[in-house]
Amino acid sequence: MHQPGETTQDRRRRRTVIVLTVVAVVLWAVAVALATLVLVLIARLPGSDPDRTARGLVIAAGAFTTFALPAVGATIGAVSARLARARDTDM
């Protein structure tokens, strides 16, 4: 949907903001869900192991970080694209 008086550059900026926002939300959701899933699955393993909790937390932290780092980049990109669009400057 084109707004009256909107240029091609404005549409491109709007699409960039939308795409980066969607990517950031998806990456954050996957990071949290995957870390939670890893913790639940490790907690359900049979047997007793005194170091299971520590290893589970390390694995969950690694799973979270795998998706959180790109999510941080996408979040920063979305915010800067939004600010550039609001200020009407080039990205």
N, C-alpha and C. Protein backbone atom coordinates (compact mmCIF):
# COMPACT_ATOMS: atom_id res chain seq x y z
N MET A 1 0.83 -1.17 0.00
CA MET A 1 0.00 0.00 0.00
C MET A 1 0.88 1.25 0.00
N HIS A 2 0.80 1.98 -1.06
CA HIS A 2 1.60 3.19 -1.17
C HIS A 2 0.85 4.37 -0.58
N GLN A 3 1.57 5.15 0.17
CA GLN A 3 0.99 6.34 0.74
C GLN A 3 1.20 7.49 -0.23
N PRO A 4 0.29 8.45 -0.26
CA PRO A 4 0.44 9.58 -1.19
C PRO A 4 1.73 10.34 -0.91
N GLY A 5 2.45 10.65 -1.95
CA GLY A 5 3.69 11.41 -1.84
C GLY A 5 4.89 10.59 -1.39
N GLU A 6 4.73 9.28 -1.32
CA GLU A 6 5.83 8.43 -0.87
C GLU A 6 6.74 8.09 -2.05
N THR A 7 8.02 8.25 -1.86
CA THR A 7 8.98 7.97 -2.92
C THR A 7 9.43 6.51 -2.85
N THR A 8 10.15 6.09 -3.87
CA THR A 8 10.68 4.73 -3.90
C THR A 8 11.64 4.50 -2.73
N GLN A 9 12.41 5.49 -2.41
CA GLN A 9 13.34 5.36 -1.29
C GLN A 9 12.58 5.22 0.03
N ASP A 10 11.48 5.91 0.20
CA ASP A 10 10.67 5.77 1.42
C ASP A 10 10.10 4.36 1.54
N ARG A 11 9.63 3.82 0.42
CA ARG A 11 9.08 2.46 0.44
C ARG A 11 10.18 1.45 0.78
N ARG A 12 11.36 1.65 0.21
CA ARG A 12 12.48 0.75 0.47
C ARG A 12 12.86 0.81 1.95
N ARG A 13 12.90 1.99 2.52
CA ARG A 13 13.23 2.13 3.95
C ARG A 13 12.16 1.46 4.81
N ARG A 14 10.90 1.64 4.45
CA ARG A 14 9.83 1.03 5.23
C ARG A 14 9.94 -0.49 5.18
N ARG A 15 10.20 -1.05 4.01
CA ARG A 15 10.37 -2.49 3.89
C ARG A 15 11.57 -2.98 4.69
N THR A 16 12.65 -2.21 4.67
CA THR A 16 13.84 -2.58 5.44
C THR A 16 13.53 -2.64 6.93
N VAL A 17 12.81 -1.64 7.41
CA VAL A 17 12.43 -1.62 8.83
C VAL A 17 11.56 -2.82 9.17
N ILE A 18 10.60 -3.12 8.33
CA ILE A 18 9.69 -4.24 8.59
C ILE A 18 10.45 -5.57 8.58
N VAL A 19 11.28 -5.78 7.59
CA VAL A 19 12.03 -7.04 7.49
C VAL A 19 12.97 -7.21 8.67
N LEU A 20 13.71 -6.18 9.01
CA LEU A 20 14.64 -6.28 10.14
C LEU A 20 13.91 -6.50 11.46
N THR A 21 12.75 -5.89 11.63
CA THR A 21 11.97 -6.09 12.84
C THR A 21 11.46 -7.52 12.94
N VAL A 22 10.95 -8.05 11.84
CA VAL A 22 10.46 -9.44 11.84
C VAL A 22 11.61 -10.41 12.11
N VAL A 23 12.74 -10.19 11.47
CA VAL A 23 13.90 -11.06 11.69
C VAL A 23 14.35 -11.01 13.15
N ALA A 24 14.39 -9.82 13.72
CA ALA A 24 14.81 -9.67 15.12
C ALA A 24 13.85 -10.39 16.06
N VAL A 25 12.57 -10.23 15.85
CA VAL A 25 11.57 -10.88 16.71
C VAL A 25 11.67 -12.40 16.61
N VAL A 26 11.81 -12.90 15.40
CA VAL A 26 11.91 -14.35 15.21
C VAL A 26 13.18 -14.89 15.87
N LEU A 27 14.29 -14.22 15.68
CA LEU A 27 15.55 -14.69 16.28
C LEU A 27 15.48 -14.67 17.81
N TRP A 28 14.92 -13.62 18.39
CA TRP A 28 14.79 -13.57 19.85
C TRP A 28 13.87 -14.68 20.35
N ALA A 29 12.77 -14.91 19.65
CA ALA A 29 11.84 -15.96 20.06
C ALA A 29 12.50 -17.34 19.98
N VAL A 30 13.23 -17.60 18.91
CA VAL A 30 13.92 -18.89 18.77
C VAL A 30 14.99 -19.03 19.85
N ALA A 31 15.71 -17.98 20.15
CA ALA A 31 16.76 -18.05 21.17
C ALA A 31 16.18 -18.44 22.52
N VAL A 32 15.11 -17.80 22.92
CA VAL A 32 14.50 -18.10 24.22
C VAL A 32 13.87 -19.49 24.22
N ALA A 33 13.14 -19.81 23.14
CA ALA A 33 12.46 -21.12 23.08
C ALA A 33 13.47 -22.26 23.04
N LEU A 34 14.54 -22.12 22.28
CA LEU A 34 15.52 -23.18 22.18
C LEU A 34 16.25 -23.41 23.51
N ALA A 35 16.62 -22.33 24.18
CA ALA A 35 17.28 -22.48 25.47
C ALA A 35 16.36 -23.15 26.48
N THR A 36 15.10 -22.77 26.48
CA THR A 36 14.13 -23.40 27.38
C THR A 36 13.94 -24.87 27.04
N LEU A 37 13.83 -25.18 25.77
CA LEU A 37 13.66 -26.57 25.33
C LEU A 37 14.86 -27.42 25.74
N VAL A 38 16.05 -26.90 25.57
CA VAL A 38 17.25 -27.64 25.96
C VAL A 38 17.25 -27.92 27.45
N LEU A 39 16.91 -26.94 28.26
CA LEU A 39 16.86 -27.15 29.71
C LEU A 39 15.82 -28.19 30.10
N VAL A 40 14.67 -28.15 29.47
CA VAL A 40 13.61 -29.12 29.78
C VAL A 40 14.03 -30.52 29.36
N LEU A 41 14.60 -30.65 28.18
CA LEU A 41 15.01 -31.98 27.71
C LEU A 41 16.12 -32.57 28.57
N ILE A 42 17.07 -31.75 28.95
CA ILE A 42 18.16 -32.25 29.80
C ILE A 42 17.63 -32.62 31.18
N ALA A 43 16.69 -31.88 31.70
CA ALA A 43 16.13 -32.18 33.02
C ALA A 43 15.36 -33.50 33.01
N ARG A 44 14.82 -33.88 31.87
CA ARG A 44 14.03 -35.11 31.77
C ARG A 44 14.86 -36.36 31.51
N LEU A 45 16.15 -36.22 31.34
CA LEU A 45 16.99 -37.39 31.09
C LEU A 45 16.95 -38.32 32.30
N PRO A 46 16.93 -39.63 32.05
CA PRO A 46 16.90 -40.56 33.17
C PRO A 46 18.26 -40.65 33.88
N GLY A 47 18.22 -41.14 35.09
CA GLY A 47 19.46 -41.31 35.85
C GLY A 47 19.79 -40.09 36.67
N SER A 48 20.82 -40.26 37.48
CA SER A 48 21.24 -39.12 38.30
C SER A 48 22.68 -38.78 37.96
N ASP A 49 22.92 -37.52 37.81
CA ASP A 49 24.25 -37.03 37.49
C ASP A 49 24.42 -35.70 38.21
N PRO A 50 25.36 -35.59 39.12
CA PRO A 50 25.50 -34.35 39.89
C PRO A 50 25.92 -33.14 39.04
N ASP A 51 26.55 -33.38 37.92
CA ASP A 51 26.99 -32.27 37.07
C ASP A 51 26.02 -31.96 35.93
N ARG A 52 24.88 -32.62 35.92
CA ARG A 52 23.92 -32.44 34.82
C ARG A 52 23.43 -31.00 34.75
N THR A 53 23.14 -30.41 35.87
CA THR A 53 22.62 -29.04 35.88
C THR A 53 23.63 -28.07 35.28
N ALA A 54 24.87 -28.19 35.68
CA ALA A 54 25.91 -27.29 35.17
C ALA A 54 26.09 -27.46 33.66
N ARG A 55 26.16 -28.70 33.22
CA ARG A 55 26.31 -28.94 31.77
C ARG A 55 25.09 -28.48 31.01
N GLY A 56 23.91 -28.69 31.58
CA GLY A 56 22.67 -28.24 30.93
C GLY A 56 22.63 -26.74 30.76
N LEU A 57 23.08 -26.02 31.78
CA LEU A 57 23.10 -24.56 31.68
C LEU A 57 24.10 -24.07 30.64
N VAL A 58 25.23 -24.75 30.56
CA VAL A 58 26.23 -24.36 29.55
C VAL A 58 25.69 -24.61 28.14
N ILE A 59 25.06 -25.75 27.94
CA ILE A 59 24.49 -26.06 26.63
C ILE A 59 23.36 -25.09 26.29
N ALA A 60 22.50 -24.80 27.25
CA ALA A 60 21.39 -23.86 27.01
C ALA A 60 21.91 -22.45 26.73
N ALA A 61 22.96 -22.05 27.44
CA ALA A 61 23.55 -20.73 27.19
C ALA A 61 24.14 -20.66 25.79
N GLY A 62 24.79 -21.73 25.36
CA GLY A 62 25.32 -21.77 24.00
C GLY A 62 24.23 -21.72 22.95
N ALA A 63 23.14 -22.45 23.19
CA ALA A 63 22.01 -22.42 22.25
C ALA A 63 21.39 -21.03 22.19
N PHE A 64 21.24 -20.40 23.35
CA PHE A 64 20.69 -19.05 23.39
C PHE A 64 21.59 -18.07 22.65
N THR A 65 22.88 -18.14 22.93
CA THR A 65 23.84 -17.20 22.33
C THR A 65 23.90 -17.34 20.81
N THR A 66 23.73 -18.57 20.33
CA THR A 66 23.77 -18.81 18.89
C THR A 66 22.73 -17.97 18.15
N PHE A 67 21.56 -17.79 18.74
CA PHE A 67 20.52 -17.00 18.10
C PHE A 67 20.45 -15.58 18.64
N ALA A 68 20.93 -15.35 19.85
CA ALA A 68 20.85 -14.02 20.44
C ALA A 68 21.81 -13.04 19.78
N LEU A 69 23.00 -13.50 19.40
CA LEU A 69 23.96 -12.59 18.77
C LEU A 69 23.44 -12.03 17.44
N PRO A 70 22.93 -12.87 16.53
CA PRO A 70 22.33 -12.29 15.32
C PRO A 70 21.09 -11.44 15.62
N ALA A 71 20.35 -11.81 16.68
CA ALA A 71 19.17 -11.03 17.05
C ALA A 71 19.57 -9.63 17.50
N VAL A 72 20.69 -9.52 18.20
CA VAL A 72 21.17 -8.20 18.62
C VAL A 72 21.50 -7.35 17.39
N GLY A 73 22.17 -7.95 16.43
CA GLY A 73 22.48 -7.23 15.20
C GLY A 73 21.24 -6.79 14.44
N ALA A 74 20.26 -7.68 14.35
CA ALA A 74 19.01 -7.33 13.65
C ALA A 74 18.25 -6.26 14.41
N THR A 75 18.29 -6.31 15.73
CA THR A 75 17.61 -5.30 16.54
C THR A 75 18.26 -3.92 16.35
N ILE A 76 19.58 -3.89 16.40
CA ILE A 76 20.29 -2.63 16.18
C ILE A 76 20.01 -2.11 14.78
N GLY A 77 20.02 -2.99 13.79
CA GLY A 77 19.73 -2.58 12.42
C GLY A 77 18.32 -2.04 12.26
N ALA A 78 17.35 -2.68 12.90
CA ALA A 78 15.97 -2.22 12.82
C ALA A 78 15.80 -0.86 13.47
N VAL A 79 16.43 -0.67 14.62
CA VAL A 79 16.32 0.62 15.31
C VAL A 79 17.00 1.72 14.50
N SER A 80 18.18 1.44 13.98
CA SER A 80 18.88 2.48 13.21
C SER A 80 18.15 2.77 11.90
N ALA A 81 17.57 1.75 11.27
CA ALA A 81 16.79 1.99 10.05
C ALA A 81 15.54 2.80 10.36
N ARG A 82 14.93 2.51 11.49
CA ARG A 82 13.73 3.26 11.90
C ARG A 82 14.09 4.72 12.18
N LEU A 83 15.19 4.93 12.88
CA LEU A 83 15.62 6.30 13.16
C LEU A 83 16.01 7.04 11.89
N ALA A 84 16.68 6.37 10.98
CA ALA A 84 17.05 7.00 9.70
C ALA A 84 15.80 7.35 8.90
N ARG A 85 14.81 6.48 8.94
CA ARG A 85 13.56 6.75 8.22
C ARG A 85 12.84 7.93 8.85
N ALA A 86 12.86 7.99 10.20
CA ALA A 86 12.19 9.09 10.89
C ALA A 86 12.90 10.43 10.63
N ARG A 87 14.22 10.38 10.52
CA ARG A 87 14.98 11.61 10.27
C ARG A 87 15.09 11.92 8.79
N ASP A 88 14.64 10.97 7.95
CA ASP A 88 14.69 11.11 6.51
C ASP A 88 16.11 11.31 6.02
N THR A 89 17.01 10.41 6.50
CA THR A 89 18.39 10.43 6.05
C THR A 89 18.72 9.06 5.47
N ASP A 90 19.84 8.97 4.79
CA ASP A 90 20.27 7.70 4.24
C ASP A 90 20.78 6.79 5.34
N MET A 91 20.61 5.48 5.11
CA MET A 91 21.10 4.48 6.06
C MET A 91 22.53 4.16 5.73
